[in-house]
Structure formats: C-alpha cells, structure tokens
Amino acid sequence: MNAPTLRSAPPRHTLRSRFQAIGFLAGVIGTLVLCYPLAVAQAAGHLNVITIEGSINPASADYIMEAIEISEADGAAALLIELDTPGGLVSSSQDIIKAMLNAGVPTIVYVTPRGAWAASAGMFVTIAANLAAMTPGSSIGAAHPVSIGGGGAAPPSGEEGEAPARDISMEKAENLLASYVESIAKHRKRNVDWVVEAVRASVAVDAEKALELGVIDFVVSSRSELLEAVEGREVDVAGEAVTLKLKGAAVERIDMTLLQQIFNFLSDPNVAVILLMGGLMGLYIEFNNPGLILPGAAGAVCLVLTGIALQILPFDWIGLILIVAGLGLLIAEIFVTSFGLLFAAGIACFLLGGTMVFDQPDLSDLSVSFWSVLLPAVLGLGIFSGLVVFALGKSFVVAQQSGVDEMMGMIGRTSTDLSPRGKVFIRGEYWTSEAPEFIEEGTPVEVTAVEGLSLRVKRAIDSR
C-alpha cells in the first residue's frame, strides 16, 4: 500500500498574479462600460440645428448657407433646419437650394411647430432637403407667384366672348418656377406632379396628405421622434451614399448674428412701408416747422433704413415715384387753394404707390398687408397732414398778435411834444416817434410805420 502523497500549497506569488489579472480584467470591463455612451456619441457625431421663422430673404439665406459651411467644417452628422415661413424672395430661395443641393453634409428640413407652414419659397426649400419632415397640424404648398402688393388674382376678361386678357409677367414667373421646382423634385425623388401643381394652381396640403403624396418623408411630433425616424436612413450627399446615425447625437444650435437679425427685420415689406411713411412724415413735419430738428432727424433715420430695405427687396420705381409725388401734393395743399383736391390726390398717390412699390411677381412672393399695414399708415399720415394744413391755413387769416408789425394802426399817446420828434407811449413802452406835424403832449396818435427802433405816427382821427 502506497503512502498518501502530500501536495504543497501554491506559491504566494501565483495567487497574487491571479488576483492582479482579475483586477485588470474588471478594470477593462468597467472602462468599456463607462466609455460606451461616449463612443456611441462620437460615432454619431453631433447635430447642428437652425430655426427659420419669417420670410425667406437675403438675411435668412445667408444664415442657412453659413450654417451649412459651419456644419461641413466642424464635422456635423447633419444640419437640421426647423422651418416656419410664408414664403419669400425667389433669388434667396435659389441661393439656399443651390447650397443645399451641393452641401457636403446631410440636410433635414422640419416644418414645425404645429400650425407652421412651408408656403411658396418655403416649399422649395423643404423639397430640396435630403429628408423632409412635418409636424401634425402644419401645411405646405401654395407656391403660385404673387406680387408683394398682394396680387396674383386672375387677369381681367376681354370683350364678351373673348378669352381673358393674358398677364405675360405672371405667366413668365409661373413657367420659370414650375420648371425650377420640377428639376428639384426629380433630383430628390419627390412627387413631381404635385409640386408643379402647387406652383401653377397654388394647391396646399397638410402634413399627413403631403406624406401620402410623397412630398415629404416623415410626419413626426417632436425633434427626438424625428431623430429616431431618420436613424439608419441612407441619403445622397455630394454624390456619395451616407447613412445617418443621429441616435444619441449631441444637439448644437447655430444662431443668427446681430447683423443678420437686423437685415432679416428690414427684409419685411410691411416694415419697409412703415419706415418709408414714417420718414416722409418726419420730413413733412420738419418742412412745416423748421428748427424742430427731432422730427427731421427721425425721418432721415427712417429713410436711411428704408434705403437699406430697398437694397434687399426688389422694388418698382413707378411705385416709389408715386409715393414721393404724394408727399409733394400734400405740401402743395398748404400753399395752393384747391379745396382739398391736392390733398385727396396725394393720399391716392400714397395708396397706389404703396401697392406698386414692391410689385415684382417674378422675383418675390411676399406681400404687404393692405388693410392692416398700408391703409392705416396712409390714413395716419393723411390725418396728421390734414391737421397741419388746417392749422396753417387758419393761421393765415388770424391777425398777427406779436412782433413790431402788429403795431401798425395801433393807438398810443404822446408823452412829450412831437416837433416833429418826441416820445410816444404805446403797448406799455416808450418809443421814439416822428410826426408830419406838431402834436402836443397827451394827444392820441396812430402808428403809420415802424422804422427800426422808431415809429412814424399821425394824429389819431378821433382826437381832432
């Protein structure tokens, strides 16, 4: 029978090595767990977000193009444009679309919040994005060209039995825009027939119908829901297929610069009309009351800002000339007795010029609100001008109440003998006076002329 074999305990350094290995493995696992969210975020990159509220104009176009450049430079996974616009300038929308179609970063347009719309030029921008989404309760379409004065109505009919008169300018704008949006829709694989109809027939649909028609890609209620919906979608960016990975991506907002905000404010035709009327009113007040300074300075500032707005917005010289002519007629009413005809003609010129000054249907689809902006502004200017004309006209028939000229014909009393010169007390003052004859002290006299600091007087008729 063999004796039992005794086994010795493992060396201490072997146990230590095992514990060290276990500790190292646990550290690696913990590090991986902690770094996993960061790794996912880094893989997803970050999402740049901008917001467009209001018209599509050079300021908002510069804002979008600058955001695209920033997104390309900082390696953003995508650029999200949250949109709510009634439309804008065709040239500005073309600049935006050109930048979006040639962008080196995926672009996503999201029409939000509820009640928002992507009308006219806003529809062009929406369909030009790699992906388009809308929130429930929003709408898109109505892209038929209109004038800034609110035009776009059917042309007047000709003689009985004849076809309606053609509006060549409107037809030109309509055909150009229809061809333009058709090419964009084909490139982005959207519903070509509907976008063309939106230009020619000014049709508009809600979010759900737009999704059904293939105009947009998603209907989502929030930004987070949108990011989940686009996750894993493949889009074409500069001719290359890019798969979107936005789940867990950090969101970074890009804001307008101060200069862009100022230009964006001035790009509203309603603001431009109000500034123009305010500037003309300021100059009108200064013209009628020289030396007040403040109205003239304020009017000059308003006209400078109007000049900046006119550099941004397309305008019609005929409309501008009519507005200036209206101001001239209001001023002429002060000096010419026309029984209000010049005044009425001036107001009519203001209204007509205000509706025509931005009438460029082939360049813009913005509109000046006639009832809420133009008419109140012109009426305010008219009422104020009418009060000025009335006050000045009344002052012409009122006898002068101050100054030396009002002394003509006044009655005073000699305080010394006039032989022929002496002193006369009149209007509470002693005046050196001269008479054509000797007049005794205390005799009533009448002023016949004022010569510097002396008077010419004669014996008052009732003193004889």
Protein backbone atom coordinates (compact mmCIF):
# COMPACT_ATOMS: atom_id res chain seq x y z
CA MET A 1 0.00 0.00 0.00
CA ASN A 2 1.43 3.29 -1.07
CA ALA A 3 1.69 6.12 1.34
CA PRO A 4 -0.52 9.17 0.59
CA THR A 5 1.13 11.96 -1.36
CA LEU A 6 1.20 15.35 0.29
CA ARG A 7 0.51 18.32 -2.02
CA SER A 8 2.04 21.63 -1.14
CA ALA A 9 0.03 24.91 -1.30
CA PRO A 10 0.53 27.04 -4.42
CA PRO A 11 3.19 29.68 -4.10
CA ARG A 12 2.01 33.05 -2.87
CA HIS A 13 3.25 34.88 -5.97
CA THR A 14 0.94 32.73 -8.15
CA LEU A 15 -2.15 33.78 -6.15
CA ARG A 16 -1.13 37.41 -6.37
CA SER A 17 -0.80 37.13 -10.15
CA ARG A 18 -4.30 35.69 -10.41
CA PHE A 19 -5.79 38.48 -8.34
CA GLN A 20 -3.95 41.07 -10.41
CA ALA A 21 -5.30 39.53 -13.64
CA ILE A 22 -8.85 39.51 -12.26
CA GLY A 23 -8.48 43.13 -11.15
CA PHE A 24 -7.12 44.15 -14.55
CA LEU A 25 -9.99 42.41 -16.36
CA ALA A 26 -12.55 44.09 -14.11
CA GLY A 27 -10.96 47.48 -14.77
CA VAL A 28 -11.09 46.92 -18.52
CA ILE A 29 -14.74 45.89 -18.37
CA GLY A 30 -15.62 48.93 -16.21
CA THR A 31 -13.81 51.27 -18.54
CA LEU A 32 -15.66 49.84 -21.53
CA VAL A 33 -19.00 50.21 -19.77
CA LEU A 34 -18.28 53.82 -18.83
CA CYS A 35 -16.94 54.78 -22.24
CA TYR A 36 -19.65 53.06 -24.28
CA PRO A 37 -22.08 56.04 -24.32
CA LEU A 38 -19.23 58.36 -25.24
CA ALA A 39 -18.14 56.03 -28.01
CA VAL A 40 -21.69 55.91 -29.37
CA ALA A 41 -21.96 59.70 -29.26
CA GLN A 42 -18.62 60.08 -31.02
CA ALA A 43 -19.71 57.60 -33.67
CA ALA A 44 -22.94 59.54 -34.13
CA GLY A 45 -21.23 62.93 -34.27
CA HIS A 46 -23.33 65.98 -33.46
CA LEU A 47 -26.39 67.59 -34.99
CA ASN A 48 -26.44 71.30 -35.85
CA VAL A 49 -29.84 73.00 -35.62
CA ILE A 50 -31.05 76.34 -37.01
CA THR A 51 -34.51 77.94 -36.99
CA ILE A 52 -36.11 79.98 -39.78
CA GLU A 53 -39.20 81.96 -38.73
CA GLY A 54 -40.46 84.56 -41.17
CA SER A 55 -39.74 85.31 -44.78
CA ILE A 56 -37.07 83.79 -47.00
CA ASN A 57 -34.81 86.76 -47.70
CA PRO A 58 -31.09 87.51 -48.18
CA ALA A 59 -30.51 87.53 -44.42
CA SER A 60 -32.11 84.13 -43.82
CA ALA A 61 -30.40 82.77 -46.95
CA ASP A 62 -27.02 83.91 -45.63
CA TYR A 63 -27.88 82.32 -42.27
CA ILE A 64 -28.64 78.93 -43.84
CA MET A 65 -25.61 78.98 -46.14
CA GLU A 66 -23.35 79.94 -43.24
CA ALA A 67 -24.82 77.09 -41.14
CA ILE A 68 -24.05 74.64 -43.97
CA GLU A 69 -20.44 75.85 -44.10
CA ILE A 70 -20.09 75.57 -40.31
CA SER A 71 -21.58 72.05 -40.35
CA GLU A 72 -19.16 70.96 -43.07
CA ALA A 73 -16.20 72.45 -41.20
CA ASP A 74 -16.96 71.03 -37.72
CA GLY A 75 -17.87 67.55 -38.96
CA ALA A 76 -21.56 67.60 -38.02
CA ALA A 77 -23.52 64.44 -38.76
CA ALA A 78 -26.32 66.55 -40.26
CA LEU A 79 -27.89 70.02 -40.35
CA LEU A 80 -31.50 70.30 -39.16
CA ILE A 81 -33.48 73.33 -40.42
CA GLU A 82 -36.65 73.97 -38.41
CA LEU A 83 -38.87 75.97 -40.75
CA ASP A 84 -41.96 78.17 -40.48
CA THR A 85 -42.29 80.64 -43.37
CA PRO A 86 -44.97 82.25 -45.58
CA GLY A 87 -42.51 82.40 -48.48
CA GLY A 88 -40.03 84.97 -49.69
CA LEU A 89 -37.74 86.10 -52.47
CA VAL A 90 -37.14 83.74 -55.35
CA SER A 91 -33.47 84.75 -55.59
CA SER A 92 -32.89 83.97 -51.91
CA SER A 93 -34.61 80.58 -52.14
CA GLN A 94 -32.44 79.78 -55.18
CA ASP A 95 -29.31 80.60 -53.19
CA ILE A 96 -30.47 78.34 -50.36
CA ILE A 97 -31.40 75.47 -52.66
CA LYS A 98 -28.10 75.71 -54.52
CA ALA A 99 -26.22 75.48 -51.23
CA MET A 100 -28.34 72.55 -50.01
CA LEU A 101 -28.01 70.52 -53.21
CA ASN A 102 -24.22 70.95 -53.17
CA ALA A 103 -23.73 70.63 -49.42
CA GLY A 104 -21.14 68.26 -48.01
CA VAL A 105 -23.40 67.49 -45.05
CA PRO A 106 -26.90 65.92 -44.96
CA THR A 107 -29.69 68.49 -44.65
CA ILE A 108 -33.03 67.84 -42.96
CA VAL A 109 -35.96 70.30 -43.09
CA TYR A 110 -38.56 70.01 -40.35
CA VAL A 111 -41.70 72.17 -40.66
CA THR A 112 -42.57 72.93 -37.05
CA PRO A 113 -44.29 73.81 -34.65
CA ARG A 114 -47.97 72.88 -35.02
CA GLY A 115 -49.66 75.49 -37.16
CA ALA A 116 -46.46 76.23 -39.07
CA TRP A 117 -46.35 76.32 -42.85
CA ALA A 118 -43.86 75.98 -45.66
CA ALA A 119 -45.59 78.15 -48.22
CA SER A 120 -44.27 79.19 -51.61
CA ALA A 121 -40.48 79.64 -51.34
CA GLY A 122 -40.63 77.62 -48.11
CA MET A 123 -41.93 74.66 -50.13
CA PHE A 124 -38.95 74.96 -52.50
CA VAL A 125 -36.52 74.79 -49.57
CA THR A 126 -38.37 71.85 -48.00
CA ILE A 127 -38.32 69.62 -51.08
CA ALA A 128 -34.63 70.46 -51.69
CA ALA A 129 -33.52 68.83 -48.42
CA ASN A 130 -32.14 65.29 -48.23
CA LEU A 131 -35.00 64.47 -45.87
CA ALA A 132 -38.18 66.46 -45.23
CA ALA A 133 -40.47 66.16 -42.24
CA MET A 134 -43.53 67.99 -40.93
CA THR A 135 -45.28 68.14 -37.61
CA PRO A 136 -49.02 67.31 -37.42
CA GLY A 137 -51.07 70.45 -37.96
CA SER A 138 -48.60 72.07 -40.36
CA SER A 139 -49.10 72.68 -44.09
CA ILE A 140 -47.11 73.03 -47.30
CA GLY A 141 -47.70 74.40 -50.81
CA ALA A 142 -49.42 77.49 -52.27
CA ALA A 143 -46.39 78.34 -54.38
CA HIS A 144 -48.08 80.33 -57.15
CA PRO A 145 -46.17 83.61 -57.74
CA VAL A 146 -47.89 86.74 -56.40
CA SER A 147 -46.90 90.38 -56.16
CA ILE A 148 -45.79 91.98 -52.92
CA GLY A 149 -48.84 94.17 -53.17
CA GLY A 150 -50.99 91.09 -52.75
CA GLY A 151 -51.61 90.43 -56.44
CA GLY A 152 -51.97 87.11 -58.14
CA ALA A 153 -55.66 87.37 -58.99
CA ALA A 154 -56.99 86.29 -62.35
CA PRO A 155 -56.36 88.72 -65.20
CA PRO A 156 -59.30 90.85 -66.34
CA SER A 157 -61.58 89.48 -69.04
CA GLY A 158 -61.58 90.88 -72.55
CA GLU A 159 -64.63 91.65 -74.70
CA GLU A 160 -67.68 89.43 -74.42
CA GLY A 161 -66.93 86.04 -75.98
CA GLU A 162 -63.18 86.60 -75.89
CA ALA A 163 -60.62 84.84 -73.72
CA PRO A 164 -59.39 86.63 -70.60
CA ALA A 165 -56.50 89.04 -71.13
CA ARG A 166 -53.09 87.42 -70.61
CA ASP A 167 -50.78 88.52 -67.83
CA ILE A 168 -47.42 87.95 -69.52
CA SER A 169 -45.38 88.79 -66.43
CA MET A 170 -47.33 86.31 -64.28
CA GLU A 171 -47.14 83.59 -66.94
CA LYS A 172 -43.39 84.05 -67.20
CA ALA A 173 -42.92 83.79 -63.44
CA GLU A 174 -45.21 80.76 -63.23
CA ASN A 175 -43.42 78.85 -66.01
CA LEU A 176 -39.97 79.58 -64.63
CA LEU A 177 -40.88 78.48 -61.11
CA ALA A 178 -42.71 75.36 -62.31
CA SER A 179 -39.67 74.25 -64.31
CA TYR A 180 -37.38 75.02 -61.39
CA VAL A 181 -39.30 73.03 -58.75
CA GLU A 182 -39.77 70.16 -61.20
CA SER A 183 -35.99 69.73 -61.50
CA ILE A 184 -35.59 69.85 -57.72
CA ALA A 185 -38.33 67.26 -57.15
CA LYS A 186 -36.78 64.92 -59.71
CA HIS A 187 -33.36 65.22 -58.10
CA ARG A 188 -34.72 64.47 -54.61
CA LYS A 189 -37.16 61.80 -55.93
CA ARG A 190 -40.30 63.57 -54.74
CA ASN A 191 -43.76 63.88 -56.27
CA VAL A 192 -43.06 65.97 -59.38
CA ASP A 193 -46.68 66.35 -60.47
CA TRP A 194 -47.81 67.73 -57.13
CA VAL A 195 -45.02 70.31 -56.72
CA VAL A 196 -45.69 71.61 -60.24
CA GLU A 197 -49.40 71.85 -59.42
CA ALA A 198 -48.51 73.74 -56.23
CA VAL A 199 -46.89 76.39 -58.44
CA ARG A 200 -49.47 76.51 -61.22
CA ALA A 201 -52.67 76.03 -59.18
CA SER A 202 -51.44 77.20 -55.76
CA VAL A 203 -52.59 73.98 -54.06
CA ALA A 204 -51.63 73.30 -50.44
CA VAL A 205 -51.94 70.20 -48.23
CA ASP A 206 -51.49 69.26 -44.60
CA ALA A 207 -48.68 67.11 -43.23
CA GLU A 208 -50.47 63.76 -43.49
CA LYS A 209 -51.53 64.38 -47.09
CA ALA A 210 -48.03 65.55 -48.02
CA LEU A 211 -46.63 62.26 -46.68
CA GLU A 212 -49.23 60.28 -48.59
CA LEU A 213 -48.38 62.14 -51.82
CA GLY A 214 -44.67 61.57 -51.41
CA VAL A 215 -43.82 65.23 -50.97
CA ILE A 216 -42.12 64.68 -47.59
CA ASP A 217 -40.55 61.70 -45.82
CA PHE A 218 -41.92 61.80 -42.25
CA VAL A 219 -44.69 63.17 -40.06
CA VAL A 220 -43.35 63.43 -36.51
CA SER A 221 -44.44 65.26 -33.39
CA SER A 222 -41.05 66.22 -31.95
CA ARG A 223 -37.39 66.57 -32.74
CA SER A 224 -36.48 63.45 -30.77
CA GLU A 225 -39.06 61.46 -32.74
CA LEU A 226 -37.57 62.82 -35.94
CA LEU A 227 -34.06 61.70 -34.98
CA GLU A 228 -35.34 58.21 -34.29
CA ALA A 229 -37.16 58.15 -37.64
CA VAL A 230 -34.10 59.15 -39.69
CA GLU A 231 -31.75 56.74 -37.90
CA GLY A 232 -30.14 54.45 -40.42
CA ARG A 233 -31.57 56.24 -43.47
CA GLU A 234 -29.24 56.44 -46.44
CA VAL A 235 -29.05 59.79 -48.25
CA ASP A 236 -27.07 61.13 -51.16
CA VAL A 237 -24.51 63.78 -50.16
CA ALA A 238 -22.34 65.23 -52.93
CA GLY A 239 -22.79 62.07 -54.98
CA GLU A 240 -21.93 59.68 -52.14
CA ALA A 241 -24.25 57.50 -50.07
CA VAL A 242 -24.23 58.48 -46.38
CA THR A 243 -26.01 56.55 -43.63
CA LEU A 244 -27.44 58.80 -40.92
CA LYS A 245 -26.54 57.89 -37.35
CA LEU A 246 -28.14 60.54 -35.17
CA LYS A 247 -29.28 58.43 -32.23
CA GLY A 248 -27.60 59.86 -29.14
CA ALA A 249 -26.05 62.72 -31.12
CA ALA A 250 -25.39 65.97 -29.28
CA VAL A 251 -27.50 68.90 -30.48
CA GLU A 252 -25.74 72.22 -31.12
CA ARG A 253 -27.70 75.35 -32.08
CA ILE A 254 -26.40 77.92 -34.53
CA ASP A 255 -27.93 81.38 -34.02
CA MET A 256 -28.21 84.37 -36.35
CA THR A 257 -25.58 87.07 -35.97
CA LEU A 258 -26.72 90.57 -34.93
CA LEU A 259 -26.26 91.89 -38.47
CA GLN A 260 -28.31 89.02 -39.90
CA GLN A 261 -31.08 89.75 -37.38
CA ILE A 262 -31.17 93.44 -38.40
CA PHE A 263 -31.29 92.65 -42.12
CA ASN A 264 -33.90 89.95 -41.51
CA PHE A 265 -36.10 92.54 -39.77
CA LEU A 266 -35.67 95.08 -42.57
CA SER A 267 -36.46 92.47 -45.23
CA ASP A 268 -40.16 92.53 -44.36
CA PRO A 269 -42.10 94.64 -46.92
CA ASN A 270 -44.50 95.72 -44.17
CA VAL A 271 -41.59 97.11 -42.15
CA ALA A 272 -40.19 98.83 -45.25
CA VAL A 273 -43.53 100.56 -45.95
CA ILE A 274 -43.92 101.71 -42.33
CA LEU A 275 -40.35 103.09 -42.30
CA LEU A 276 -40.96 104.90 -45.59
CA MET A 277 -44.17 106.51 -44.31
CA GLY A 278 -42.50 107.42 -41.01
CA GLY A 279 -39.56 109.01 -42.81
CA LEU A 280 -41.82 111.06 -45.07
CA MET A 281 -43.92 112.19 -42.12
CA GLY A 282 -40.78 113.28 -40.23
CA LEU A 283 -39.58 115.35 -43.18
CA TYR A 284 -43.08 116.79 -43.64
CA ILE A 285 -43.15 117.97 -40.01
CA GLU A 286 -39.66 119.44 -40.27
CA PHE A 287 -40.54 121.18 -43.53
CA ASN A 288 -43.54 122.88 -41.96
CA ASN A 289 -41.78 123.64 -38.65
CA PRO A 290 -38.11 124.39 -39.41
CA GLY A 291 -35.82 124.10 -36.44
CA LEU A 292 -37.59 121.30 -34.55
CA ILE A 293 -34.66 119.01 -35.53
CA LEU A 294 -36.02 115.84 -33.85
CA PRO A 295 -38.73 115.05 -36.46
CA GLY A 296 -36.30 115.72 -39.29
CA ALA A 297 -33.57 113.57 -37.73
CA ALA A 298 -36.00 110.72 -37.02
CA GLY A 299 -37.36 110.96 -40.56
CA ALA A 300 -33.85 110.86 -42.00
CA VAL A 301 -33.02 107.73 -39.98
CA CYS A 302 -36.24 106.04 -41.16
CA LEU A 303 -35.43 106.87 -44.78
CA VAL A 304 -31.88 105.51 -44.41
CA LEU A 305 -33.29 102.24 -43.05
CA THR A 306 -35.82 102.26 -45.91
CA GLY A 307 -32.91 102.63 -48.34
CA ILE A 308 -31.27 99.55 -46.82
CA ALA A 309 -34.55 97.63 -47.13
CA LEU A 310 -34.85 98.67 -50.78
CA GLN A 311 -31.37 97.27 -51.39
CA ILE A 312 -32.64 93.91 -50.11
CA LEU A 313 -36.16 93.83 -51.55
CA PRO A 314 -36.93 94.15 -55.27
CA PHE A 315 -38.99 97.29 -55.88
CA ASP A 316 -40.72 99.20 -58.67
CA TRP A 317 -39.53 102.76 -59.42
CA ILE A 318 -43.00 103.83 -60.54
CA GLY A 319 -44.46 102.99 -57.12
CA LEU A 320 -41.65 104.87 -55.37
CA ILE A 321 -42.17 107.94 -57.59
CA LEU A 322 -45.90 107.92 -56.85
CA ILE A 323 -45.21 107.94 -53.10
CA VAL A 324 -42.82 110.90 -53.43
CA ALA A 325 -45.38 112.67 -55.66
CA GLY A 326 -47.99 112.11 -52.95
CA LEU A 327 -45.78 113.92 -50.44
CA GLY A 328 -45.33 116.79 -52.89
CA LEU A 329 -49.09 117.12 -53.33
CA LEU A 330 -49.63 117.27 -49.56
CA ILE A 331 -47.08 120.06 -49.29
CA ALA A 332 -48.63 121.91 -52.25
CA GLU A 333 -52.01 121.84 -50.48
CA ILE A 334 -50.57 124.25 -47.89
CA PHE A 335 -49.83 126.96 -50.44
CA VAL A 336 -52.47 126.37 -53.14
CA THR A 337 -56.20 126.78 -52.62
CA SER A 338 -57.56 123.57 -54.17
CA PHE A 339 -60.47 122.90 -51.80
CA GLY A 340 -58.87 119.58 -50.79
CA LEU A 341 -58.29 118.22 -54.30
CA LEU A 342 -54.48 118.20 -53.98
CA PHE A 343 -54.77 116.58 -50.57
CA ALA A 344 -57.03 113.81 -51.90
CA ALA A 345 -54.74 113.27 -54.88
CA GLY A 346 -51.75 112.98 -52.53
CA ILE A 347 -53.46 110.30 -50.43
CA ALA A 348 -54.44 108.40 -53.58
CA CYS A 349 -50.81 108.51 -54.77
CA PHE A 350 -49.66 107.12 -51.43
CA LEU A 351 -52.10 104.20 -51.62
CA LEU A 352 -51.41 103.43 -55.26
CA GLY A 353 -47.66 103.78 -54.88
CA GLY A 354 -47.67 101.64 -51.73
CA THR A 355 -49.31 98.76 -53.58
CA MET A 356 -46.98 99.10 -56.57
CA VAL A 357 -43.61 99.79 -54.96
CA PHE A 358 -42.91 96.09 -54.32
CA ASP A 359 -44.92 94.69 -57.23
CA GLN A 360 -42.39 92.18 -58.63
CA PRO A 361 -44.21 88.81 -59.01
CA ASP A 362 -41.35 87.16 -60.90
CA LEU A 363 -38.87 88.00 -58.13
CA SER A 364 -40.79 87.62 -54.88
CA ASP A 365 -43.98 86.23 -53.38
CA LEU A 366 -44.05 88.35 -50.23
CA SER A 367 -46.96 90.70 -49.67
CA VAL A 368 -47.71 94.00 -47.99
CA SER A 369 -50.86 93.78 -45.93
CA PHE A 370 -53.12 96.45 -47.44
CA TRP A 371 -55.72 96.53 -44.67
CA SER A 372 -53.53 96.10 -41.59
CA VAL A 373 -50.38 97.99 -42.66
CA LEU A 374 -50.63 100.15 -45.78
CA LEU A 375 -54.10 101.66 -45.27
CA PRO A 376 -53.58 102.53 -41.54
CA ALA A 377 -50.15 104.04 -42.31
CA VAL A 378 -51.50 106.22 -45.13
CA LEU A 379 -54.56 107.25 -43.11
CA GLY A 380 -52.36 108.21 -40.17
CA LEU A 381 -50.15 110.30 -42.44
CA GLY A 382 -53.23 111.81 -44.09
CA ILE A 383 -54.93 112.77 -40.82
CA PHE A 384 -51.76 114.35 -39.47
CA SER A 385 -51.13 116.22 -42.74
CA GLY A 386 -54.74 117.40 -42.76
CA LEU A 387 -54.37 118.84 -39.26
CA VAL A 388 -51.19 120.64 -40.29
CA VAL A 389 -52.84 122.08 -43.41
CA PHE A 390 -55.87 123.19 -41.37
CA ALA A 391 -53.74 124.81 -38.67
CA LEU A 392 -51.52 126.65 -41.14
CA GLY A 393 -54.49 127.76 -43.22
CA LYS A 394 -56.18 129.12 -40.12
CA SER A 395 -53.04 130.99 -39.11
CA PHE A 396 -53.05 132.86 -42.43
CA VAL A 397 -56.39 134.58 -41.64
CA VAL A 398 -55.68 135.38 -37.98
CA ALA A 399 -54.32 138.83 -37.23
CA GLN A 400 -50.76 138.97 -36.02
CA GLN A 401 -50.53 139.02 -32.23
CA SER A 402 -46.82 139.71 -31.66
CA GLY A 403 -43.83 141.46 -33.21
CA VAL A 404 -43.38 145.05 -34.37
CA ASP A 405 -45.51 144.64 -37.48
CA GLU A 406 -48.62 144.18 -35.37
CA MET A 407 -48.12 147.79 -34.11
CA MET A 408 -49.34 149.11 -37.45
CA GLY A 409 -52.56 151.05 -36.82
CA MET A 410 -52.28 150.89 -33.04
CA ILE A 411 -53.25 153.94 -30.99
CA GLY A 412 -50.83 155.42 -28.46
CA ARG A 413 -50.43 158.73 -26.61
CA THR A 414 -47.65 161.28 -26.85
CA SER A 415 -45.64 161.59 -23.64
CA THR A 416 -43.79 164.66 -24.99
CA ASP A 417 -44.48 167.17 -27.70
CA LEU A 418 -43.69 165.90 -31.19
CA SER A 419 -41.91 168.68 -33.06
CA PRO A 420 -41.61 166.62 -35.16
CA ARG A 421 -39.77 164.04 -32.96
CA GLY A 422 -40.54 163.02 -29.42
CA LYS A 423 -41.74 160.15 -27.26
CA VAL A 424 -44.93 158.12 -27.59
CA PHE A 425 -46.25 155.65 -25.04
CA ILE A 426 -47.75 152.64 -26.77
CA ARG A 427 -48.25 148.99 -25.83
CA GLY A 428 -46.69 149.63 -22.41
CA GLU A 429 -43.48 151.00 -23.92
CA TYR A 430 -41.95 154.39 -24.76
CA TRP A 431 -40.99 154.74 -28.42
CA THR A 432 -39.08 157.45 -30.21
CA SER A 433 -41.57 158.75 -32.75
CA GLU A 434 -41.79 161.26 -35.57
CA ALA A 435 -44.89 163.06 -36.86
CA PRO A 436 -45.51 165.12 -40.02
CA GLU A 437 -46.84 167.99 -37.89
CA PHE A 438 -46.52 169.42 -34.41
CA ILE A 439 -48.51 167.36 -31.89
CA GLU A 440 -48.96 168.38 -28.28
CA GLU A 441 -48.18 166.14 -25.32
CA GLY A 442 -51.01 163.79 -24.30
CA THR A 443 -52.53 163.64 -27.76
CA PRO A 444 -53.69 160.24 -29.12
CA VAL A 445 -51.66 159.20 -32.15
CA GLU A 446 -51.83 156.32 -34.67
CA VAL A 447 -48.81 154.34 -35.85
CA THR A 448 -48.31 154.50 -39.61
CA ALA A 449 -44.87 152.86 -39.96
CA VAL A 450 -42.16 151.08 -37.99
CA GLU A 451 -38.60 152.05 -38.93
CA GLY A 452 -36.14 150.07 -36.85
CA LEU A 453 -36.48 151.34 -33.27
CA SER A 454 -38.57 154.37 -34.09
CA LEU A 455 -42.14 154.97 -35.20
CA ARG A 456 -43.87 157.21 -37.64
CA VAL A 457 -47.18 158.45 -36.26
CA LYS A 458 -50.00 160.80 -37.13
CA ARG A 459 -52.71 162.44 -35.11
CA ALA A 460 -55.47 159.95 -34.42
CA ILE A 461 -58.69 160.81 -36.27
CA ASP A 462 -60.88 160.75 -33.15
CA SER A 463 -58.56 163.16 -31.37
CA ARG A 464 -59.34 166.08 -33.61
